[in-house]
Protein backbone atom coordinates (compact mmCIF):
# COMPACT_ATOMS: atom_id res chain seq x y z
CA MET A 1 -17.04 0.04 -8.98
CA LYS A 2 -14.95 -1.57 -6.26
CA LEU A 3 -11.52 -0.24 -5.37
CA GLN A 4 -9.98 -3.59 -6.30
CA THR A 5 -11.39 -3.38 -9.84
CA LYS A 6 -10.20 0.22 -10.18
CA LEU A 7 -6.65 -0.75 -9.18
CA ILE A 8 -6.56 -3.64 -11.66
CA ILE A 9 -7.81 -1.39 -14.47
CA ALA A 10 -5.28 1.28 -13.48
CA PHE A 11 -2.34 -1.15 -13.54
CA SER A 12 -3.42 -2.63 -16.87
CA SER A 13 -3.97 0.82 -18.41
CA ILE A 14 -0.52 1.98 -17.38
CA VAL A 15 1.10 -1.10 -18.93
CA VAL A 16 -0.85 -0.70 -22.20
CA ILE A 17 -0.10 3.02 -22.47
CA MET A 18 3.60 2.48 -21.78
CA ALA A 19 3.72 -0.30 -24.37
CA LEU A 20 2.03 1.89 -26.99
CA LEU A 21 4.38 4.79 -26.30
CA GLN A 22 7.36 2.46 -26.45
CA SER A 23 6.13 0.93 -29.71
CA ILE A 24 5.63 4.34 -31.31
CA PHE A 25 9.04 5.54 -30.14
CA PHE A 26 10.97 2.48 -31.30
CA GLN A 27 9.10 2.23 -34.57
CA ASN A 28 9.83 5.84 -35.47
CA ARG A 29 13.40 5.55 -34.27
CA ILE A 30 14.16 2.33 -36.18
CA GLN A 31 12.38 3.58 -39.29
CA ASN A 32 14.48 6.76 -39.26
CA VAL A 33 17.68 4.76 -38.82
CA PHE A 34 16.73 2.42 -41.67
CA GLU A 35 15.76 5.35 -43.86
CA ASN A 36 19.21 6.84 -43.31
CA TYR A 37 20.75 3.47 -44.06
CA VAL A 38 18.76 3.14 -47.27
CA ARG A 39 19.68 6.63 -48.42
CA GLN A 40 23.33 6.05 -47.65
CA ASN A 41 23.17 2.81 -49.60
CA GLU A 42 21.42 4.59 -52.47
CA SER A 43 24.08 7.30 -52.47
CA GLU A 44 26.79 4.68 -52.88
CA ARG A 45 24.92 3.01 -55.72
CA ILE A 46 24.30 6.35 -57.40
CA GLU A 47 28.01 7.08 -57.37
CA THR A 48 28.67 3.66 -58.81
CA TRP A 49 26.10 4.21 -61.56
CA LYS A 50 27.62 7.61 -62.35
CA GLU A 51 31.01 5.94 -62.73
CA ILE A 52 29.54 3.17 -64.89
CA LEU A 53 27.64 5.56 -67.14
CA THR A 54 30.65 7.87 -67.50
CA GLU A 55 32.84 4.89 -68.50
CA TYR A 56 30.10 3.78 -70.88
CA TYR A 57 30.09 7.16 -72.61
CA GLN A 58 33.88 7.31 -72.61
CA PHE A 59 34.05 3.86 -74.20
CA TYR A 60 31.34 4.38 -76.84
CA GLY A 61 31.52 8.15 -77.23
CA LYS A 62 27.75 8.31 -77.36
CA TRP A 63 24.58 7.27 -75.46
CA ASP A 64 23.32 4.75 -77.98
CA ASP A 65 21.75 1.63 -76.45
CA ILE A 66 21.74 3.23 -72.93
CA GLN A 67 18.02 2.45 -72.67
CA GLN A 68 18.83 -1.25 -72.95
CA VAL A 69 21.40 -0.91 -70.18
CA LEU A 70 18.82 0.58 -67.84
CA VAL A 71 15.93 -1.75 -68.75
CA ASN A 72 17.79 -4.98 -68.71
CA ASN A 73 21.06 -4.51 -66.89
CA LYS A 74 21.28 -8.22 -66.11
CA ASN A 75 21.59 -9.13 -69.78
CA LEU A 76 24.19 -6.43 -70.21
CA VAL A 77 26.13 -7.81 -67.27
CA GLN A 78 26.05 -11.21 -68.87
CA ASN A 79 27.23 -9.71 -72.23
CA ARG A 80 29.46 -7.00 -70.79
CA LYS A 81 31.96 -5.36 -73.15
CA GLY A 82 34.66 -2.80 -72.81
CA PRO A 83 36.81 -1.68 -69.92
CA MET A 84 33.82 -0.57 -67.74
CA TRP A 85 33.12 -4.23 -66.92
CA LYS A 86 36.61 -5.44 -66.59
CA ASN A 87 37.66 -7.45 -63.55
CA ASN A 88 34.13 -8.92 -63.29
CA GLN A 89 32.63 -5.62 -62.19
CA THR A 90 28.91 -6.05 -61.41
CA ILE A 91 26.30 -3.42 -62.12
CA PRO A 92 24.48 -2.54 -58.85
CA ARG A 93 20.91 -3.69 -58.59
CA MET A 94 18.30 -1.01 -59.08
CA ALA A 95 15.62 -2.70 -56.91
CA GLU A 96 13.44 0.13 -55.70
CA LEU A 97 15.20 2.82 -57.76
CA GLN A 98 14.06 4.32 -61.07
CA LEU A 99 17.12 5.37 -63.09
CA ILE A 100 16.76 8.03 -65.80
CA VAL A 101 19.53 9.30 -68.11
CA ALA A 102 19.35 12.58 -70.02
CA ASP A 103 21.82 13.96 -72.53
CA LYS A 104 23.73 17.17 -71.98
CA ASN A 105 20.78 19.16 -73.34
CA GLY A 106 18.40 17.72 -70.76
CA LYS A 107 16.48 15.37 -73.06
CA VAL A 108 15.67 12.01 -71.48
CA ILE A 109 17.28 9.24 -73.54
CA GLY A 110 17.07 6.37 -71.06
CA ASP A 111 14.51 5.33 -68.37
CA SER A 112 14.52 2.04 -66.47
CA ASP A 113 10.71 2.28 -66.26
CA GLU A 114 10.31 3.62 -69.84
CA GLU A 115 8.18 6.45 -68.50
CA TRP A 116 10.01 9.69 -69.26
CA ILE A 117 11.63 8.97 -72.65
CA GLY A 118 11.74 12.17 -74.72
CA HIS A 119 10.79 14.47 -71.84
CA ASN A 120 12.90 17.24 -70.43
CA SER A 121 14.80 16.32 -67.26
CA LYS A 122 13.49 19.42 -65.48
CA GLU A 123 10.04 17.89 -65.50
CA ILE A 124 11.20 15.04 -63.30
CA SER A 125 11.38 15.27 -59.51
CA GLY A 126 14.07 13.31 -57.74
CA ILE A 127 17.84 13.28 -57.43
CA HIS A 128 19.66 15.02 -60.29
CA GLU A 129 23.37 14.28 -60.76
CA ASP A 130 25.51 15.67 -63.59
CA LEU A 131 27.64 13.18 -65.53
CA LEU A 132 31.09 14.72 -66.20
CA LEU A 133 33.95 13.59 -68.40
CA ASN A 134 37.17 15.61 -68.30
CA GLY A 135 35.24 18.44 -66.63
CA GLN A 136 32.68 18.57 -69.42
CA LYS A 137 29.02 17.75 -68.91
CA ILE A 138 28.08 14.74 -71.02
CA GLY A 139 24.68 14.02 -69.52
CA GLU A 140 22.55 13.81 -66.41
CA LEU A 141 21.58 10.95 -64.09
CA ILE A 142 18.19 11.23 -62.43
CA ILE A 143 17.05 8.94 -59.62
CA GLU A 144 13.32 8.72 -58.92
CA ARG A 145 12.41 6.44 -56.08
CA ASP A 146 9.28 4.39 -56.26
CA LYS A 147 6.79 6.23 -54.06
CA SER A 148 5.08 2.99 -53.12
CA ILE A 149 8.22 1.57 -51.51
CA GLY A 150 9.31 3.18 -48.24
CA ILE A 151 12.06 0.84 -47.13
CA LEU A 152 13.35 -2.53 -48.18
CA SER A 153 11.10 -5.51 -47.53
CA LEU A 154 13.64 -6.98 -45.13
CA GLU A 155 13.58 -3.85 -43.06
CA GLN A 156 9.77 -3.79 -43.12
CA GLN A 157 9.78 -7.37 -41.91
CA PHE A 158 12.01 -6.35 -39.04
CA LEU A 159 9.60 -3.57 -38.06
CA ASN A 160 6.67 -5.97 -38.25
CA SER A 161 8.57 -8.46 -36.13
CA MET A 162 9.36 -5.77 -33.57
CA ASN A 163 5.72 -4.67 -33.42
CA ASN A 164 4.58 -8.27 -32.97
CA SER A 165 7.12 -8.72 -30.18
CA LEU A 166 5.92 -5.55 -28.47
CA LEU A 167 2.32 -6.67 -28.83
CA PHE A 168 3.14 -10.07 -27.37
CA GLY A 169 5.15 -8.47 -24.56
CA THR A 170 2.31 -6.06 -23.86
CA ALA A 171 -0.15 -8.93 -23.59
CA ILE A 172 2.12 -10.72 -21.11
CA ALA A 173 2.65 -7.48 -19.18
CA VAL A 174 -1.11 -6.89 -18.98
CA VAL A 175 -1.64 -10.40 -17.60
CA VAL A 176 1.14 -9.85 -15.05
CA ALA A 177 -0.32 -6.44 -14.18
CA VAL A 178 -3.76 -7.95 -13.63
CA LEU A 179 -2.35 -10.66 -11.39
CA PHE A 180 -0.21 -8.15 -9.51
CA GLY A 181 -3.20 -5.81 -9.28
CA ILE A 182 -5.34 -8.56 -7.77
CA VAL A 183 -2.70 -9.40 -5.15
CA PHE A 184 -1.93 -5.78 -4.37
CA ALA A 185 -5.59 -4.77 -4.33
CA ASN A 186 -6.44 -7.62 -1.94
CA LYS A 187 -3.63 -6.55 0.35
CA LEU A 188 -4.71 -2.92 0.11
CA THR A 189 -8.45 -3.42 0.47
CA LYS A 190 -8.36 -6.03 3.24
CA PRO A 191 -7.61 -3.44 5.98
CA LEU A 192 -10.28 -1.18 4.46
CA GLU A 193 -12.80 -4.00 4.62
CA SER A 194 -11.92 -4.55 8.29
CA LEU A 195 -12.42 -0.84 8.93
CA MET A 196 -15.74 -0.88 7.07
CA ILE A 197 -16.93 -3.78 9.24
CA GLY A 198 -15.90 -1.80 12.33
CA ILE A 199 -17.76 1.28 11.05
CA ARG A 200 -20.91 -0.79 10.50
CA HIS A 201 -20.69 -2.14 14.05
CA LEU A 202 -20.20 1.40 15.31
CA ALA A 203 -23.19 2.62 13.29
CA LYS A 204 -25.32 -0.04 14.96
CA GLY A 205 -24.23 1.21 18.39
CA ASP A 206 -21.70 -1.55 19.08
CA THR A 207 -18.88 0.56 20.54
CA SER A 208 -17.10 -2.50 21.94
CA TYR A 209 -15.98 -3.73 18.49
CA ARG A 210 -12.26 -3.35 17.74
CA VAL A 211 -10.48 -3.51 14.39
CA THR A 212 -7.34 -5.62 13.93
CA VAL A 213 -4.92 -4.64 11.14
CA ASN A 214 -1.59 -6.48 11.14
CA THR A 215 0.41 -4.00 9.08
CA LYS A 216 2.93 -1.29 9.88
CA ASP A 217 1.65 1.42 7.59
CA GLU A 218 -1.00 4.15 7.57
CA PHE A 219 -3.76 1.53 7.75
CA HIS A 220 -2.40 0.39 11.11
CA GLN A 221 -2.42 3.99 12.33
CA LEU A 222 -5.96 4.40 10.99
CA SER A 223 -7.15 1.25 12.75
CA LYS A 224 -5.45 2.39 15.94
CA ALA A 225 -7.22 5.76 15.71
CA PHE A 226 -10.50 3.97 15.01
CA ASN A 227 -10.06 1.74 18.06
CA GLU A 228 -9.21 4.76 20.21
CA MET A 229 -12.31 6.51 18.93
CA SER A 230 -14.43 3.43 19.64
CA ALA A 231 -12.99 3.18 23.14
CA LYS A 232 -13.72 6.86 23.73
CA LEU A 233 -17.26 6.49 22.43
CA GLU A 234 -17.74 3.40 24.56
CA HIS A 235 -16.53 5.29 27.61
CA ASN A 236 -18.70 8.31 26.75
CA GLU A 237 -21.70 6.04 26.39
CA GLU A 238 -20.98 4.53 29.79
CA VAL A 239 -20.59 8.02 31.23
CA ARG A 240 -23.86 9.09 29.62
CA LYS A 241 -25.70 6.13 31.07
CA GLN A 242 -24.08 6.73 34.43
CA LEU A 243 -24.95 10.43 34.18
CA VAL A 244 -28.60 9.65 33.51
CA ALA A 245 -28.62 7.14 36.37
CA ASP A 246 -26.89 9.57 38.75
CA VAL A 247 -29.16 12.49 37.87
CA ALA A 248 -32.20 10.25 38.24
CA HIS A 249 -30.88 9.01 41.60
CA GLU A 250 -30.01 12.49 42.83
CA LEU A 251 -33.47 13.73 41.94
CA ARG A 252 -35.29 10.62 43.07
CA THR A 253 -34.01 10.70 46.65
CA PRO A 254 -35.18 14.21 47.65
CA LEU A 255 -38.37 13.83 45.62
CA SER A 256 -39.17 10.55 47.36
CA ILE A 257 -38.58 12.17 50.74
CA LEU A 258 -40.77 15.14 49.84
CA ARG A 259 -43.52 12.93 48.49
CA GLY A 260 -43.45 10.61 51.50
CA GLN A 261 -43.49 13.46 53.99
CA LEU A 262 -46.29 15.31 52.20
CA GLU A 263 -48.44 12.14 51.94
CA SER A 264 -47.92 11.48 55.64
CA ILE A 265 -49.00 15.03 56.44
CA GLN A 266 -52.08 14.64 54.22
CA GLU A 267 -53.02 11.41 55.95
CA GLY A 268 -52.47 12.93 59.37
CA ALA A 269 -49.68 10.51 60.26
CA ILE A 270 -47.24 13.38 60.68
CA GLN A 271 -47.98 16.80 62.03
CA PRO A 272 -46.59 19.76 60.03
CA THR A 273 -44.32 20.86 62.84
CA PRO A 274 -41.52 23.40 62.24
CA GLU A 275 -39.00 20.55 62.36
CA VAL A 276 -40.84 18.63 59.60
CA ILE A 277 -41.19 21.76 57.46
CA LEU A 278 -37.46 22.50 57.92
CA GLN A 279 -36.61 18.98 56.80
CA LEU A 280 -38.78 19.39 53.68
CA ASN A 281 -37.11 22.74 52.99
CA ASP A 282 -33.66 21.10 53.19
CA GLU A 283 -34.66 18.62 50.50
CA VAL A 284 -35.97 21.43 48.28
CA LEU A 285 -32.67 23.30 48.74
CA ARG A 286 -30.78 20.15 47.84
CA LEU A 287 -32.77 19.84 44.62
CA THR A 288 -32.26 23.52 43.85
CA ARG A 289 -28.50 23.26 44.42
CA LEU A 290 -28.24 20.19 42.18
CA VAL A 291 -30.19 21.79 39.33
CA ASN A 292 -28.22 25.05 39.68
CA ASP A 293 -24.90 23.19 39.62
CA LEU A 294 -25.88 21.32 36.46
CA GLN A 295 -26.99 24.55 34.84
CA GLN A 296 -23.76 26.39 35.72
CA LEU A 297 -21.66 23.46 34.54
CA SER A 298 -23.50 23.28 31.21
CA LEU A 299 -22.99 27.02 30.67
CA ALA A 300 -19.28 26.72 31.47
CA GLU A 301 -18.77 23.79 29.10
CA ALA A 302 -20.67 25.63 26.34
CA GLY A 303 -18.53 28.75 26.83
CA GLN A 304 -21.60 30.81 27.77
CA LEU A 305 -20.89 31.35 31.46
CA VAL A 306 -21.11 35.03 32.36
CA LEU A 307 -18.11 36.19 34.43
CA ASN A 308 -18.07 39.37 36.52
CA LYS A 309 -14.31 39.77 36.71
CA LYS A 310 -12.58 41.97 39.26
CA ARG A 311 -8.94 42.52 40.07
CA VAL A 312 -8.31 40.86 43.44
CA ASN A 313 -5.44 39.83 45.67
CA ILE A 314 -5.48 36.09 45.17
CA LYS A 315 -3.78 35.24 48.47
CA GLN A 316 -6.18 37.34 50.52
CA MET A 317 -9.16 35.73 48.73
CA ILE A 318 -7.91 32.22 49.51
CA GLN A 319 -7.20 33.19 53.13
CA LYS A 320 -10.85 34.21 53.56
CA ILE A 321 -11.99 30.89 52.10
CA MET A 322 -9.64 28.92 54.34
CA PHE A 323 -11.00 30.73 57.37
CA HIS A 324 -14.39 29.04 56.84
CA PHE A 325 -12.74 25.59 56.80
CA GLU A 326 -10.65 26.02 59.94
CA TRP A 327 -13.26 24.34 62.12
CA LEU A 328 -13.11 21.18 59.97
CA ALA A 329 -9.31 21.21 59.97
CA GLU A 330 -9.22 21.64 63.77
CA GLU A 331 -11.78 18.86 64.20
CA LYS A 332 -9.54 16.42 62.29
CA GLU A 333 -6.32 18.01 63.59
CA ILE A 334 -5.21 18.74 60.02
CA GLN A 335 -2.47 21.29 59.43
CA LEU A 336 -3.84 23.88 56.98
CA GLN A 337 -1.10 25.98 55.34
CA LEU A 338 -1.02 28.79 52.74
CA ILE A 339 2.26 29.77 51.00
CA GLY A 340 2.65 32.59 48.51
CA ASP A 341 3.45 36.19 47.67
CA GLU A 342 1.18 38.82 49.21
CA GLU A 343 1.23 41.10 46.16
CA ILE A 344 -0.09 38.80 43.41
CA MET A 345 -3.08 40.47 41.77
CA ILE A 346 -5.29 38.66 39.30
CA GLU A 347 -8.50 39.34 37.44
CA VAL A 348 -11.19 36.76 38.21
CA ASP A 349 -14.87 36.43 39.00
CA PRO A 350 -14.70 36.30 42.83
CA ASP A 351 -17.85 34.19 43.22
CA ARG A 352 -16.90 31.58 40.57
CA PHE A 353 -13.29 31.32 41.70
CA THR A 354 -14.36 31.06 45.36
CA GLN A 355 -16.49 28.05 44.39
CA VAL A 356 -13.44 26.47 42.70
CA ILE A 357 -11.31 26.76 45.86
CA VAL A 358 -14.21 25.67 48.09
CA ASN A 359 -14.76 22.51 46.03
CA LEU A 360 -11.05 21.59 45.96
CA LEU A 361 -10.35 22.47 49.59
CA GLY A 362 -13.49 20.68 50.77
CA ASN A 363 -12.46 17.52 48.90
CA ALA A 364 -8.91 17.73 50.28
CA LEU A 365 -10.06 18.05 53.92
CA ARG A 366 -12.69 15.34 53.46
CA HIS A 367 -10.16 12.78 52.18
CA THR A 368 -7.19 13.74 54.34
CA PRO A 369 -6.97 11.55 57.47
CA ASN A 370 -6.63 12.93 61.00
CA HIS A 371 -3.30 14.61 61.78
CA GLY A 372 -2.73 15.12 58.05
CA LYS A 373 -1.70 18.21 56.12
CA VAL A 374 -3.23 20.37 53.36
CA THR A 375 -1.04 23.00 51.66
CA ILE A 376 -2.03 25.70 49.20
CA GLU A 377 0.85 27.37 47.36
CA ILE A 378 0.67 30.40 45.07
CA LYS A 379 3.42 31.18 42.52
CA LYS A 380 3.87 33.77 39.82
CA GLU A 381 5.62 32.78 36.60
CA GLU A 382 7.03 35.25 34.08
CA GLN A 383 7.36 33.05 30.96
CA PRO A 384 4.54 32.82 30.19
CA GLN A 385 2.97 35.27 32.60
CA ARG A 386 0.60 33.27 34.74
CA VAL A 387 -0.30 32.33 38.29
CA MET A 388 0.16 28.76 39.51
CA ILE A 389 -2.00 27.60 42.43
CA SER A 390 -1.34 24.15 43.83
CA LEU A 391 -3.46 22.43 46.46
CA LYS A 392 -1.76 19.38 47.96
CA ASP A 393 -3.11 16.98 50.59
CA SER A 394 -1.66 14.00 52.43
CA GLY A 395 -4.64 11.79 51.76
CA PRO A 396 -4.74 8.23 50.40
CA GLY A 397 -4.27 9.38 46.79
CA ILE A 398 -6.08 8.28 43.64
CA ASP A 399 -5.40 5.20 41.54
CA GLU A 400 -3.80 6.06 38.20
CA GLU A 401 -6.60 4.35 36.26
CA TYR A 402 -9.12 6.85 37.69
CA LEU A 403 -7.16 10.04 36.96
CA PRO A 404 -8.37 10.55 33.32
CA TYR A 405 -12.00 10.60 34.52
CA ILE A 406 -11.66 12.54 37.76
CA PHE A 407 -13.21 15.73 36.32
CA GLU A 408 -16.25 14.05 34.74
CA ARG A 409 -19.75 14.65 36.03
CA PHE A 410 -20.91 12.44 38.92
CA TYR A 411 -17.65 10.49 38.78
CA ARG A 412 -16.56 8.85 42.03
CA THR A 413 -13.43 6.80 42.50
CA ASP A 414 -15.38 4.79 45.07
CA SER A 415 -18.77 3.94 43.57
CA SER A 416 -19.94 2.36 46.80
CA ARG A 417 -19.64 5.62 48.70
CA SER A 418 -23.00 7.19 49.58
CA ARG A 419 -24.11 10.59 48.37
CA ASP A 420 -24.01 11.91 51.89
CA GLN A 421 -20.33 11.04 52.09
CA GLY A 422 -19.36 12.02 48.57
CA GLY A 423 -21.66 14.90 47.63
CA THR A 424 -23.27 15.08 44.21
CA GLY A 425 -20.11 14.27 42.26
CA LEU A 426 -20.17 17.63 40.45
CA GLY A 427 -17.56 19.52 42.48
CA LEU A 428 -14.50 18.78 40.38
CA SER A 429 -16.45 19.12 37.11
CA ILE A 430 -17.59 22.58 38.17
CA ALA A 431 -14.07 23.52 39.25
CA LYS A 432 -12.70 22.51 35.86
CA GLY A 433 -15.45 24.33 33.97
CA PHE A 434 -14.99 27.57 35.95
CA VAL A 435 -11.18 27.53 35.63
CA GLU A 436 -11.38 26.99 31.87
CA ALA A 437 -13.98 29.77 31.63
CA HIS A 438 -11.24 32.07 33.03
CA GLY A 439 -8.87 30.94 30.26
CA GLY A 440 -6.93 28.69 32.63
CA ARG A 441 -6.22 25.00 33.08
CA ILE A 442 -6.57 22.55 35.93
CA ASN A 443 -4.70 19.25 36.28
CA VAL A 444 -4.35 16.57 38.91
CA GLU A 445 -1.31 14.55 40.02
CA SER A 446 -1.65 11.66 42.41
CA LYS A 447 -0.13 8.39 43.49
CA LYS A 448 -1.80 5.83 45.66
CA GLY A 449 -0.70 6.35 49.29
CA GLU A 450 1.15 9.63 48.56
CA GLY A 451 -1.66 12.16 48.46
CA THR A 452 -3.11 14.28 45.66
CA THR A 453 -2.13 17.63 44.13
CA PHE A 454 -4.44 19.84 42.04
CA LEU A 455 -2.67 22.41 39.84
CA ILE A 456 -4.46 25.53 38.62
CA GLN A 457 -2.92 27.79 35.95
CA LEU A 458 -4.47 31.21 35.39
CA PRO A 459 -3.31 33.96 33.01
CA LEU A 460 -2.32 37.27 34.58
């Protein structure tokens, strides 16, 4: 069942249930009020009948002909005699009431329905009222309501009219609820339908599809998250394709060289001189280094990299690394500077962390122009306790659009740069993986034309 149908049924059900509850409540309430009204009216008529019957007995001194009064009170009204009917007094209508009169001994001597004549009054259920004259009991008035009549016909008509009105109102409300449900459901399900279309495109591999939802509610946030996810998947797919292409290229080049050289040696075109063998060995080492870097990076990203941590003086370690780069700095007349406290001790894997600094420092010197400057600064922070290592160069900087991808595998800000100039493109990825394996973080800050700064945070 569609969501739209469910919403329409839900709206209609709520209206019907509310109408039924309202009908039951009002019907019971009005019936109770009318019952009270009827009883109050009966009480007044009973008092009137008590007065009439007492006057009747006072006038006649006996209960003779009382049965005729009860059976046919209209005729008696028309032929009224004595002071009890003076001033045009009218006997109250009995309507739904059964009036029974018993003498002072309890014997029934009058019954408007001629049902209990001769019986004892105690056998009759109903309202029993003593008839008194000068404080002496002269008889008993018994009221037995007709069990088949609950309330007056007029009142029953009112209840029926109210129920019909509620039924009619419920029908109108259900129609309105259905119409409202259709409109609301369309408005509610339209963004969902757009998202479903986007999901189907995504399932087919179309990561370029974007969902448009012109609302300002949770659906808009959901569509925004979906579009962000699609963009991320699209980028990841591009990275995957680029990764496959880069790995294939990196492997193809040394393999092609090896194959060409070996075929030439087999054909006798090239002699296997020490120089040729050394060149072949360099290509094998290049392949080995590439495969090893990919393996180490995969282990780091999977959290399975084994670290042999030792407590070392971080400044002294970096000084030793910088010593091996002094020739490159002197060649380009770059000022290489290290700032920091001599006593900062930290627990790291010396080999892994050395590779981090080598990759970052090598990149900085490679991209810093002649007469530039590269500065490494070490700081200790107390809250939280950690070591901050910043490596800043005065190079050309990195465009802001490239910064989110700078640590991805084989990523190069300049795709036209050759592998000989730019390495394998794994240096920064490895640096990030090794730093995170130590429980730290690495970030980059850069502006075009203002140089680049890499920030490493390591826990103490």
